[in-house]
């Protein structure tokens, strides 16, 4: 193994087995033919985890895994790291005046969910099937050109060509709000203005969509009392994250690490 590309990882005198870094490397992207990049990302992640676990053990903490999903519990390492951060990071809830000032800075950020009145044309395919996806994309691009050329005929085009049951109503899906559709479809809706048709087909798990935004109803600005608790929670989370980063940066500054570059990672 090339020692320059895959250096030994040592954290405060503790040698980390190559197998652990190699397993972590599978979770990190890198350009084709450049495994050293994935290795460096993995080494940083493993070094950080090792450093935190060393500190937790130094403080005599014991793991107490909690349920993080239906039937899914933390690992002992995850529980130790969480316990460490819970021990060392304390945050004072923001003062009422600070919460009000955050709201007043830009009340337009706090709106009720929007409503989108939407129609679409679906070219169904299994995105995992390369051949089917390619053929569907070609057909969807052709339908997009037709829709953009004659937007007033969108309903008729949908009725004649769509693979969705909504074709019986000209592709009309009704009024949708956040969470009512798959993430890729919703992401496209957030960038469309009233009367606009997607310039390129949108791929979801169902296939390619040509989307027409019939109308948009922006949510009204919410009063301060309706969002006070959410603002306070967000400010507290931000303060906690800042304090946690400062704690980790202190550990990194005092550590002796080779085979990883955590000082750059925490700045």
Protein backbone atom coordinates (compact mmCIF):
# COMPACT_ATOMS: atom_id res chain seq x y z
CA UNK A 1 0.00 0.00 0.00
CA UNK A 2 1.36 3.42 -0.98
CA UNK A 3 2.29 5.15 2.30
CA UNK A 4 1.98 8.60 0.69
CA UNK A 5 -1.59 8.01 -0.51
CA UNK A 6 -2.67 5.91 2.47
CA UNK A 7 -0.61 7.05 5.47
CA UNK A 8 -0.88 5.44 8.89
CA UNK A 9 -3.37 7.24 11.14
CA UNK A 10 -2.14 7.88 14.68
CA UNK A 11 -4.17 9.93 17.17
CA UNK A 12 -2.45 10.85 20.45
CA UNK A 13 -0.26 7.78 20.15
CA UNK A 14 -3.16 5.45 19.30
CA UNK A 15 -2.62 3.71 15.94
CA UNK A 16 -5.87 3.27 14.01
CA UNK A 17 -6.00 0.08 11.89
CA UNK A 18 -6.02 0.66 8.13
CA UNK A 19 -9.13 -1.52 7.89
CA UNK A 20 -11.16 1.04 9.86
CA UNK A 21 -10.14 3.91 7.59
CA UNK A 22 -10.73 1.75 4.49
CA UNK A 23 -14.25 0.89 5.65
CA UNK A 24 -15.00 4.58 6.28
CA UNK A 25 -13.59 5.55 2.85
CA UNK A 26 -16.54 3.81 1.19
CA UNK A 27 -18.77 6.56 2.59
CA UNK A 28 -16.85 9.38 0.87
CA UNK A 29 -16.89 10.51 -2.75
CA UNK A 30 -13.75 10.99 -4.82
CA UNK A 31 -12.95 11.46 -8.51
CA UNK A 32 -12.52 8.22 -10.42
CA UNK A 33 -8.98 6.92 -10.18
CA UNK A 34 -8.12 9.07 -7.14
CA UNK A 35 -8.71 6.85 -4.10
CA UNK A 36 -6.31 8.95 -2.05
CA UNK A 37 -8.91 11.73 -1.83
CA UNK A 38 -11.54 9.41 -0.35
CA UNK A 39 -8.90 8.05 2.02
CA UNK A 40 -8.01 11.53 3.30
CA UNK A 41 -11.67 12.38 3.90
CA UNK A 42 -12.13 9.07 5.71
CA UNK A 43 -8.97 9.57 7.76
CA UNK A 44 -10.26 12.96 8.93
CA UNK A 45 -13.61 11.46 9.92
CA UNK A 46 -12.03 8.53 11.77
CA UNK A 47 -9.48 10.78 13.46
CA UNK A 48 -12.24 13.07 14.71
CA UNK A 49 -14.25 10.11 16.01
CA UNK A 50 -11.16 8.64 17.69
CA UNK A 51 -10.30 11.96 19.32
CA UNK A 52 -13.81 12.33 20.75
CA UNK A 53 -13.89 8.75 21.99
CA UNK A 54 -10.52 9.21 23.68
CA UNK A 55 -11.85 12.29 25.50
CA UNK A 56 -15.05 10.48 26.53
CA UNK A 57 -13.05 7.59 27.99
CA UNK A 58 -10.64 10.00 29.67
CA UNK A 59 -13.62 11.54 31.47
CA UNK A 60 -14.84 8.10 32.53
CA UNK A 61 -18.11 8.28 30.59
CA UNK A 62 -20.13 5.13 29.95
CA UNK A 63 -22.23 4.58 26.82
CA UNK A 64 -26.00 4.73 27.20
CA UNK A 65 -27.43 4.11 23.70
CA UNK A 66 -30.85 5.62 23.00
CA UNK A 67 -33.37 4.79 20.31
CA UNK A 68 -32.87 7.01 17.27
CA UNK A 69 -35.55 5.43 15.09
CA UNK A 70 -38.12 2.64 15.23
CA UNK A 71 -36.15 -0.33 16.55
CA UNK A 72 -32.81 1.39 15.78
CA UNK A 73 -30.41 2.32 18.58
CA UNK A 74 -27.15 4.23 18.71
CA UNK A 75 -23.93 2.26 18.69
CA UNK A 76 -21.86 2.44 21.85
CA UNK A 77 -19.42 4.79 20.10
CA UNK A 78 -22.24 7.10 18.98
CA UNK A 79 -23.65 7.08 22.53
CA UNK A 80 -20.25 7.93 24.02
CA UNK A 81 -19.75 10.87 21.67
CA UNK A 82 -23.27 12.18 22.31
CA UNK A 83 -22.73 11.79 26.06
CA UNK A 84 -19.45 13.69 25.83
CA UNK A 85 -21.00 16.62 23.97
CA UNK A 86 -24.00 16.65 26.32
CA UNK A 87 -21.53 16.87 29.22
CA UNK A 88 -19.26 19.60 27.93
CA UNK A 89 -21.61 21.79 25.89
CA UNK A 90 -24.12 23.92 27.75
CA UNK A 91 -26.19 26.64 26.15
CA UNK A 92 -28.25 29.35 27.84
CA UNK A 93 -31.67 29.84 26.18
CA UNK A 94 -31.85 33.13 24.25
CA UNK A 95 -33.33 36.14 26.01
CA UNK A 96 -36.82 37.31 24.94
CA UNK A 97 -35.37 40.53 23.50
CA UNK A 98 -32.90 38.53 21.38
CA UNK A 99 -35.69 36.35 20.02
CA UNK A 100 -37.75 39.41 19.13
CA UNK A 101 -34.74 41.04 17.46
CA UNK A 102 -34.17 37.93 15.34
CA UNK A 103 -37.80 38.05 14.17
CA UNK A 104 -37.70 41.79 13.46
CA UNK A 105 -34.53 41.38 11.40
CA UNK A 106 -36.66 39.95 8.56
CA UNK A 107 -40.24 38.88 9.39
CA UNK A 108 -40.75 37.74 5.78
CA UNK A 109 -38.63 34.66 6.58
CA UNK A 110 -41.44 33.35 8.74
CA UNK A 111 -44.31 32.43 6.47
CA UNK A 112 -47.11 29.92 6.38
CA UNK A 113 -46.48 27.13 3.82
CA UNK A 114 -47.13 28.09 0.17
CA UNK A 115 -49.74 26.45 -2.03
CA UNK A 116 -48.94 25.43 -5.60
CA UNK A 117 -51.64 24.82 -8.19
CA UNK A 118 -49.99 22.30 -10.50
CA UNK A 119 -50.45 20.24 -13.65
CA UNK A 120 -47.95 17.81 -15.11
CA UNK A 121 -47.18 15.27 -17.80
CA UNK A 122 -45.53 12.05 -16.64
CA UNK A 123 -43.28 9.87 -18.77
CA UNK A 124 -43.12 6.83 -16.54
CA UNK A 125 -39.94 4.76 -16.18
CA UNK A 126 -37.80 2.99 -13.63
CA UNK A 127 -34.86 5.37 -13.07
CA UNK A 128 -32.68 2.38 -12.18
CA UNK A 129 -33.07 0.97 -15.70
CA UNK A 130 -30.57 2.90 -17.84
CA UNK A 131 -32.18 2.02 -21.17
CA UNK A 132 -35.71 2.82 -20.01
CA UNK A 133 -34.57 6.05 -18.36
CA UNK A 134 -32.77 7.18 -21.51
CA UNK A 135 -35.78 6.51 -23.73
CA UNK A 136 -38.10 8.25 -21.26
CA UNK A 137 -35.86 11.29 -21.10
CA UNK A 138 -35.86 11.68 -24.88
CA UNK A 139 -39.65 11.48 -24.94
CA UNK A 140 -39.97 13.89 -22.01
CA UNK A 141 -37.68 16.43 -23.69
CA UNK A 142 -39.78 16.25 -26.83
CA UNK A 143 -42.94 16.82 -24.79
CA UNK A 144 -41.27 19.74 -22.99
CA UNK A 145 -40.54 21.41 -26.32
CA UNK A 146 -44.17 20.94 -27.37
CA UNK A 147 -45.46 22.32 -24.09
CA UNK A 148 -43.21 25.38 -24.19
CA UNK A 149 -44.16 26.05 -27.79
CA UNK A 150 -47.89 26.02 -27.01
CA UNK A 151 -48.43 26.44 -23.25
CA UNK A 152 -52.15 27.05 -23.72
CA UNK A 153 -52.45 23.47 -24.99
CA UNK A 154 -50.77 21.91 -21.96
CA UNK A 155 -53.95 20.24 -20.68
CA UNK A 156 -54.65 18.70 -24.08
CA UNK A 157 -51.04 17.51 -24.40
CA UNK A 158 -51.23 15.90 -20.96
CA UNK A 159 -54.52 14.20 -21.78
CA UNK A 160 -53.00 12.73 -24.93
CA UNK A 161 -49.58 11.69 -23.67
CA UNK A 162 -49.24 11.48 -19.88
CA UNK A 163 -48.67 8.15 -18.13
CA UNK A 164 -50.28 9.46 -14.93
CA UNK A 165 -53.92 8.91 -13.99
CA UNK A 166 -54.26 12.70 -13.88
CA UNK A 167 -54.35 12.65 -17.71
CA UNK A 168 -58.12 12.32 -17.42
CA UNK A 169 -58.18 15.86 -16.00
CA UNK A 170 -55.55 17.28 -18.34
CA UNK A 171 -52.68 16.50 -15.98
CA UNK A 172 -54.18 18.58 -13.18
CA UNK A 173 -52.87 17.61 -9.72
CA UNK A 174 -54.73 20.27 -7.74
CA UNK A 175 -53.22 22.33 -4.96
CA UNK A 176 -50.05 20.98 -3.37
CA UNK A 177 -48.11 22.10 -0.33
CA UNK A 178 -44.71 21.20 1.12
CA UNK A 179 -44.48 17.48 1.79
CA UNK A 180 -47.35 16.55 -0.54
CA UNK A 181 -45.09 15.17 -3.25
CA UNK A 182 -41.66 13.57 -3.67
CA UNK A 183 -38.65 15.81 -2.88
CA UNK A 184 -37.42 16.18 -6.47
CA UNK A 185 -40.85 17.29 -7.67
CA UNK A 186 -41.23 19.73 -4.78
CA UNK A 187 -37.78 21.19 -5.40
CA UNK A 188 -38.84 22.01 -8.96
CA UNK A 189 -42.06 23.65 -7.74
CA UNK A 190 -40.11 25.98 -5.48
CA UNK A 191 -38.37 27.48 -8.51
CA UNK A 192 -41.40 27.94 -10.76
CA UNK A 193 -43.39 31.15 -11.11
CA UNK A 194 -47.05 31.39 -12.05
CA UNK A 195 -47.67 30.21 -15.62
CA UNK A 196 -44.16 28.75 -15.97
CA UNK A 197 -43.35 25.32 -17.40
CA UNK A 198 -40.19 23.45 -16.46
CA UNK A 199 -37.51 24.07 -19.09
CA UNK A 200 -36.14 20.55 -18.66
CA UNK A 201 -37.89 17.38 -17.49
CA UNK A 202 -37.73 16.59 -13.77
CA UNK A 203 -36.66 13.06 -12.81
CA UNK A 204 -38.24 11.38 -9.78
CA UNK A 205 -38.70 7.77 -8.71
CA UNK A 206 -41.80 7.69 -10.94
CA UNK A 207 -40.11 8.87 -14.14
CA UNK A 208 -39.78 12.21 -15.94
CA UNK A 209 -42.23 15.07 -15.35
CA UNK A 210 -43.06 18.13 -17.41
CA UNK A 211 -44.52 20.50 -14.83
CA UNK A 212 -46.78 23.50 -15.32
CA UNK A 213 -47.31 25.94 -12.45
CA UNK A 214 -50.86 27.19 -12.86
CA UNK A 215 -50.83 29.49 -9.83
CA UNK A 216 -48.84 30.17 -6.66
CA UNK A 217 -50.21 31.32 -3.32
CA UNK A 218 -47.36 32.47 -1.09
CA UNK A 219 -47.93 31.85 2.58
CA UNK A 220 -48.71 34.89 4.72
CA UNK A 221 -46.10 36.27 7.10
CA UNK A 222 -46.71 34.71 10.51
CA UNK A 223 -47.04 36.90 13.63
CA UNK A 224 -44.24 36.86 16.19
CA UNK A 225 -46.25 34.95 18.78
CA UNK A 226 -46.79 32.10 16.32
CA UNK A 227 -43.09 31.57 15.68
CA UNK A 228 -41.45 32.67 18.95
CA UNK A 229 -40.78 29.12 20.16
CA UNK A 230 -39.37 27.97 16.82
CA UNK A 231 -37.04 30.98 16.64
CA UNK A 232 -35.84 30.30 20.18
CA UNK A 233 -35.21 26.65 19.36
CA UNK A 234 -33.29 27.53 16.20
CA UNK A 235 -31.15 30.08 18.03
CA UNK A 236 -30.40 27.56 20.77
CA UNK A 237 -29.37 24.93 18.22
CA UNK A 238 -27.10 27.43 16.49
CA UNK A 239 -25.47 28.37 19.79
CA UNK A 240 -25.04 24.67 20.69
CA UNK A 241 -23.37 23.92 17.35
CA UNK A 242 -21.01 26.88 17.77
CA UNK A 243 -20.05 25.77 21.28
CA UNK A 244 -19.54 22.17 20.11
CA UNK A 245 -17.26 23.33 17.28
CA UNK A 246 -15.24 25.40 19.75
CA UNK A 247 -14.85 22.40 22.07
CA UNK A 248 -13.75 20.14 19.20
CA UNK A 249 -11.33 22.78 17.93
CA UNK A 250 -9.75 22.86 21.38
CA UNK A 251 -9.29 19.08 21.36
CA UNK A 252 -7.75 19.22 17.90
CA UNK A 253 -5.37 22.02 18.84
CA UNK A 254 -4.07 20.02 21.80
CA UNK A 255 -3.86 16.68 19.96
CA UNK A 256 -0.95 14.99 18.24
CA UNK A 257 -2.26 13.55 14.99
CA UNK A 258 -0.50 12.12 11.97
CA UNK A 259 -2.17 10.78 8.85
CA UNK A 260 -5.01 13.32 8.97
CA UNK A 261 -5.43 17.10 8.89
CA UNK A 262 -8.11 18.03 11.40
CA UNK A 263 -6.91 21.56 11.97
CA UNK A 264 -8.04 22.49 8.47
CA UNK A 265 -11.27 20.51 8.88
CA UNK A 266 -12.45 22.42 11.97
CA UNK A 267 -11.84 25.90 10.54
